[in-house]
N, C-alpha and C. Protein backbone atom coordinates (compact mmCIF):
# COMPACT_ATOMS: atom_id res chain seq x y z
N MET A 1 -45.19 -34.08 7.91
CA MET A 1 -44.14 -33.54 7.62
C MET A 1 -42.95 -34.06 7.23
N ALA A 2 -42.15 -33.32 6.26
CA ALA A 2 -41.19 -33.60 5.58
C ALA A 2 -39.63 -33.16 6.56
N ALA A 3 -38.83 -34.51 6.59
CA ALA A 3 -37.68 -33.60 7.53
C ALA A 3 -36.47 -32.51 6.39
N PRO A 4 -35.98 -31.56 6.79
CA PRO A 4 -35.65 -30.59 5.49
C PRO A 4 -33.85 -31.25 5.12
N ARG A 5 -33.94 -31.38 3.84
CA ARG A 5 -33.23 -31.81 3.07
C ARG A 5 -31.98 -30.64 3.02
N PRO A 6 -30.85 -31.66 3.12
CA PRO A 6 -29.92 -30.29 3.31
C PRO A 6 -29.03 -29.67 1.77
N LYS A 7 -28.85 -28.40 1.42
CA LYS A 7 -28.54 -27.91 0.73
C LYS A 7 -27.49 -28.96 -0.50
N SER A 8 -27.51 -29.07 -1.46
CA SER A 8 -27.31 -30.30 -2.49
C SER A 8 -25.61 -29.28 -2.61
N PRO A 9 -24.86 -29.85 -2.67
CA PRO A 9 -23.13 -29.23 -3.03
C PRO A 9 -22.65 -28.90 -4.03
N LEU A 10 -23.88 -28.84 -5.24
CA LEU A 10 -24.45 -27.88 -6.35
C LEU A 10 -25.64 -26.30 -6.30
N ASP A 11 -25.22 -26.13 -4.81
CA ASP A 11 -26.35 -25.48 -4.22
C ASP A 11 -25.75 -23.67 -5.50
N PRO A 12 -26.43 -23.75 -6.87
CA PRO A 12 -26.23 -21.97 -7.37
C PRO A 12 -25.92 -21.32 -6.71
N CYS A 13 -27.22 -20.88 -5.44
CA CYS A 13 -26.38 -19.51 -4.90
C CYS A 13 -25.48 -19.41 -3.95
N GLY A 14 -25.10 -20.40 -3.74
CA GLY A 14 -23.68 -20.60 -2.94
C GLY A 14 -23.05 -20.57 -3.52
N ARG A 15 -22.70 -21.31 -4.60
CA ARG A 15 -21.81 -21.21 -5.83
C ARG A 15 -21.57 -19.46 -5.68
N HIS A 16 -22.40 -19.01 -6.56
CA HIS A 16 -22.79 -17.56 -7.31
C HIS A 16 -22.14 -16.61 -6.05
N ARG A 17 -22.07 -16.43 -5.24
CA ARG A 17 -21.97 -16.22 -3.76
C ARG A 17 -20.14 -16.26 -4.08
N LEU A 18 -19.92 -17.57 -3.45
CA LEU A 18 -18.24 -17.89 -3.57
C LEU A 18 -17.72 -17.19 -4.77
N GLN A 19 -18.32 -17.27 -5.80
CA GLN A 19 -17.59 -17.05 -7.21
C GLN A 19 -17.06 -15.46 -7.31
N LEU A 20 -18.10 -14.31 -6.58
CA LEU A 20 -18.14 -13.40 -6.61
C LEU A 20 -16.93 -12.42 -5.27
N ALA A 21 -16.90 -13.52 -4.37
CA ALA A 21 -15.63 -13.20 -3.07
C ALA A 21 -14.50 -13.44 -4.10
N VAL A 22 -14.63 -14.42 -4.60
CA VAL A 22 -12.99 -14.86 -4.97
C VAL A 22 -13.00 -13.88 -6.48
N ASP A 23 -14.21 -13.74 -7.18
CA ASP A 23 -13.71 -12.33 -8.04
C ASP A 23 -13.43 -11.03 -7.26
N ALA A 24 -13.41 -10.71 -6.21
CA ALA A 24 -13.44 -9.63 -5.43
C ALA A 24 -11.75 -10.09 -4.42
N LEU A 25 -12.00 -10.91 -4.17
CA LEU A 25 -9.82 -11.26 -4.66
C LEU A 25 -9.23 -11.04 -5.00
N HIS A 26 -9.86 -11.99 -6.62
CA HIS A 26 -8.77 -11.39 -7.61
C HIS A 26 -8.15 -9.84 -7.95
N ARG A 27 -9.65 -8.94 -8.29
CA ARG A 27 -8.99 -7.61 -7.83
C ARG A 27 -8.48 -7.02 -7.33
N GLN A 28 -8.86 -7.14 -6.08
CA GLN A 28 -7.76 -6.42 -4.94
C GLN A 28 -6.56 -7.28 -4.88
N ILE A 29 -6.39 -8.37 -5.03
CA ILE A 29 -4.72 -8.86 -5.35
C ILE A 29 -4.03 -8.24 -7.06
N SER A 30 -4.58 -7.78 -7.71
CA SER A 30 -4.43 -7.09 -9.24
C SER A 30 -3.81 -5.44 -8.60
N PHE A 31 -4.96 -5.17 -7.50
CA PHE A 31 -4.82 -3.57 -7.48
C PHE A 31 -3.81 -3.86 -6.59
N LEU A 32 -2.98 -5.08 -5.44
CA LEU A 32 -2.31 -5.09 -4.92
C LEU A 32 -0.83 -5.03 -5.49
N GLU A 33 -0.78 -5.74 -6.72
CA GLU A 33 0.33 -6.43 -7.38
C GLU A 33 0.55 -4.62 -7.96
N GLY A 34 -0.47 -4.05 -8.87
CA GLY A 34 0.04 -2.78 -9.01
C GLY A 34 0.69 -1.50 -8.66
N GLU A 35 -0.13 -1.68 -6.90
CA GLU A 35 0.85 -1.12 -5.64
C GLU A 35 1.93 -1.32 -6.09
N ILE A 36 2.54 -2.72 -6.04
CA ILE A 36 3.86 -2.92 -5.62
C ILE A 36 4.67 -2.50 -6.94
N SER A 37 4.57 -2.30 -8.12
CA SER A 37 5.29 -2.08 -9.38
C SER A 37 5.49 -0.64 -9.04
N SER A 38 4.09 -0.17 -8.94
CA SER A 38 4.38 1.54 -9.04
C SER A 38 5.64 1.76 -7.65
N ILE A 39 5.71 1.25 -6.70
CA ILE A 39 5.85 1.18 -5.51
C ILE A 39 7.63 0.72 -5.53
N GLU A 40 8.37 -0.11 -6.43
CA GLU A 40 9.42 -0.72 -6.56
C GLU A 40 10.39 0.73 -7.04
N GLY A 41 10.05 1.38 -8.56
CA GLY A 41 10.81 2.62 -8.64
C GLY A 41 10.42 3.90 -8.18
N LEU A 42 10.51 3.79 -6.36
CA LEU A 42 10.73 5.06 -5.63
C LEU A 42 12.15 4.64 -4.89
N HIS A 43 12.93 3.52 -5.34
CA HIS A 43 14.45 3.53 -4.10
C HIS A 43 15.51 4.47 -4.71
N ALA A 44 15.69 5.10 -5.85
CA ALA A 44 16.21 6.29 -6.77
C ALA A 44 15.92 7.68 -5.92
N ALA A 45 14.26 7.58 -5.81
CA ALA A 45 13.93 8.96 -4.66
C ALA A 45 14.80 9.02 -3.62
N SER A 46 13.97 8.16 -2.60
CA SER A 46 15.45 7.52 -1.62
C SER A 46 16.16 7.69 -1.30
N ILE A 47 17.44 7.04 -2.54
CA ILE A 47 18.64 7.89 -2.50
C ILE A 47 18.79 9.21 -2.60
N CYS A 48 18.28 9.94 -3.55
CA CYS A 48 18.05 11.41 -3.47
C CYS A 48 17.90 12.00 -2.14
N CYS A 49 16.90 11.41 -1.71
CA CYS A 49 16.34 12.53 -0.09
C CYS A 49 17.67 11.93 0.37
N LYS A 50 18.09 11.08 0.68
CA LYS A 50 19.59 10.83 1.21
C LYS A 50 21.12 11.87 1.29
N GLU A 51 20.72 11.51 -0.41
CA GLU A 51 22.00 12.48 -0.46
C GLU A 51 21.94 13.56 -0.50
N VAL A 52 20.80 14.45 -0.57
CA VAL A 52 20.13 15.88 0.02
C VAL A 52 20.63 16.24 1.82
N ASP A 53 19.78 15.31 2.64
CA ASP A 53 20.01 15.24 4.15
C ASP A 53 21.20 15.28 3.47
N GLU A 54 22.37 14.32 3.44
CA GLU A 54 23.90 14.22 3.95
C GLU A 54 24.14 15.63 3.60
N PHE A 55 23.97 16.46 2.92
CA PHE A 55 24.71 17.68 2.11
C PHE A 55 23.97 18.71 3.03
N ILE A 56 22.89 18.78 3.22
CA ILE A 56 22.28 20.21 4.78
C ILE A 56 23.11 19.51 5.59
N GLY A 57 23.12 18.74 5.79
CA GLY A 57 23.96 18.37 7.26
C GLY A 57 25.45 18.49 7.33
N LYS A 58 26.30 18.44 6.14
CA LYS A 58 27.53 19.04 6.37
C LYS A 58 27.71 20.23 5.90
N ASN A 59 26.91 21.00 5.19
CA ASN A 59 27.00 22.39 5.01
C ASN A 59 25.99 23.16 5.57
N ALA A 60 26.42 24.18 6.55
CA ALA A 60 25.03 25.01 6.93
C ALA A 60 25.14 26.27 6.06
N ASP A 61 23.85 26.33 6.66
CA ASP A 61 22.64 27.27 5.94
C ASP A 61 23.30 28.74 6.03
N PRO A 62 23.54 29.73 5.19
CA PRO A 62 24.26 30.80 5.66
C PRO A 62 23.13 31.59 5.85
N PHE A 63 21.93 31.53 6.34
CA PHE A 63 21.01 32.43 6.58
C PHE A 63 20.46 31.94 7.59
N ILE A 64 20.98 31.42 8.58
CA ILE A 64 20.77 30.56 9.90
C ILE A 64 22.02 31.55 10.52
N THR A 65 21.52 32.63 11.46
CA THR A 65 22.46 32.65 12.89
C THR A 65 22.79 32.01 13.49
N MET A 66 24.16 31.91 14.15
CA MET A 66 24.80 30.90 14.86
C MET A 66 24.32 30.87 16.33
N TYR A 67 24.20 32.71 16.55
CA TYR A 67 23.99 33.03 18.15
C TYR A 67 23.02 32.92 18.33
N GLY A 68 22.13 33.61 19.25
CA GLY A 68 20.82 33.63 19.70
C GLY A 68 21.01 34.87 19.95
N PHE A 69 19.38 35.41 19.18
CA PHE A 69 18.68 36.66 19.93
C PHE A 69 18.66 37.43 21.05
N SER A 70 19.05 37.85 21.93
CA SER A 70 19.06 38.41 23.34
C SER A 70 18.52 40.16 23.02
N GLY A 71 17.41 39.97 23.72
CA GLY A 71 16.58 40.80 23.13
C GLY A 71 15.14 40.40 24.55
């Protein structure tokens, strides 16, 4: 009985599996880069939200009573 030989460094199945993993990582990187570029445009929205919050904090709502109801 012959001793088992180690896989050659040019194992096509192993290389194919690794290439698929690398391709999957490239797809994930591309997806994340797209997400980052879409998030970069949100800074203006957060500034607007801050301005609205400050405006509401400074100006009392006329429809909210200042005194509680007893009853």
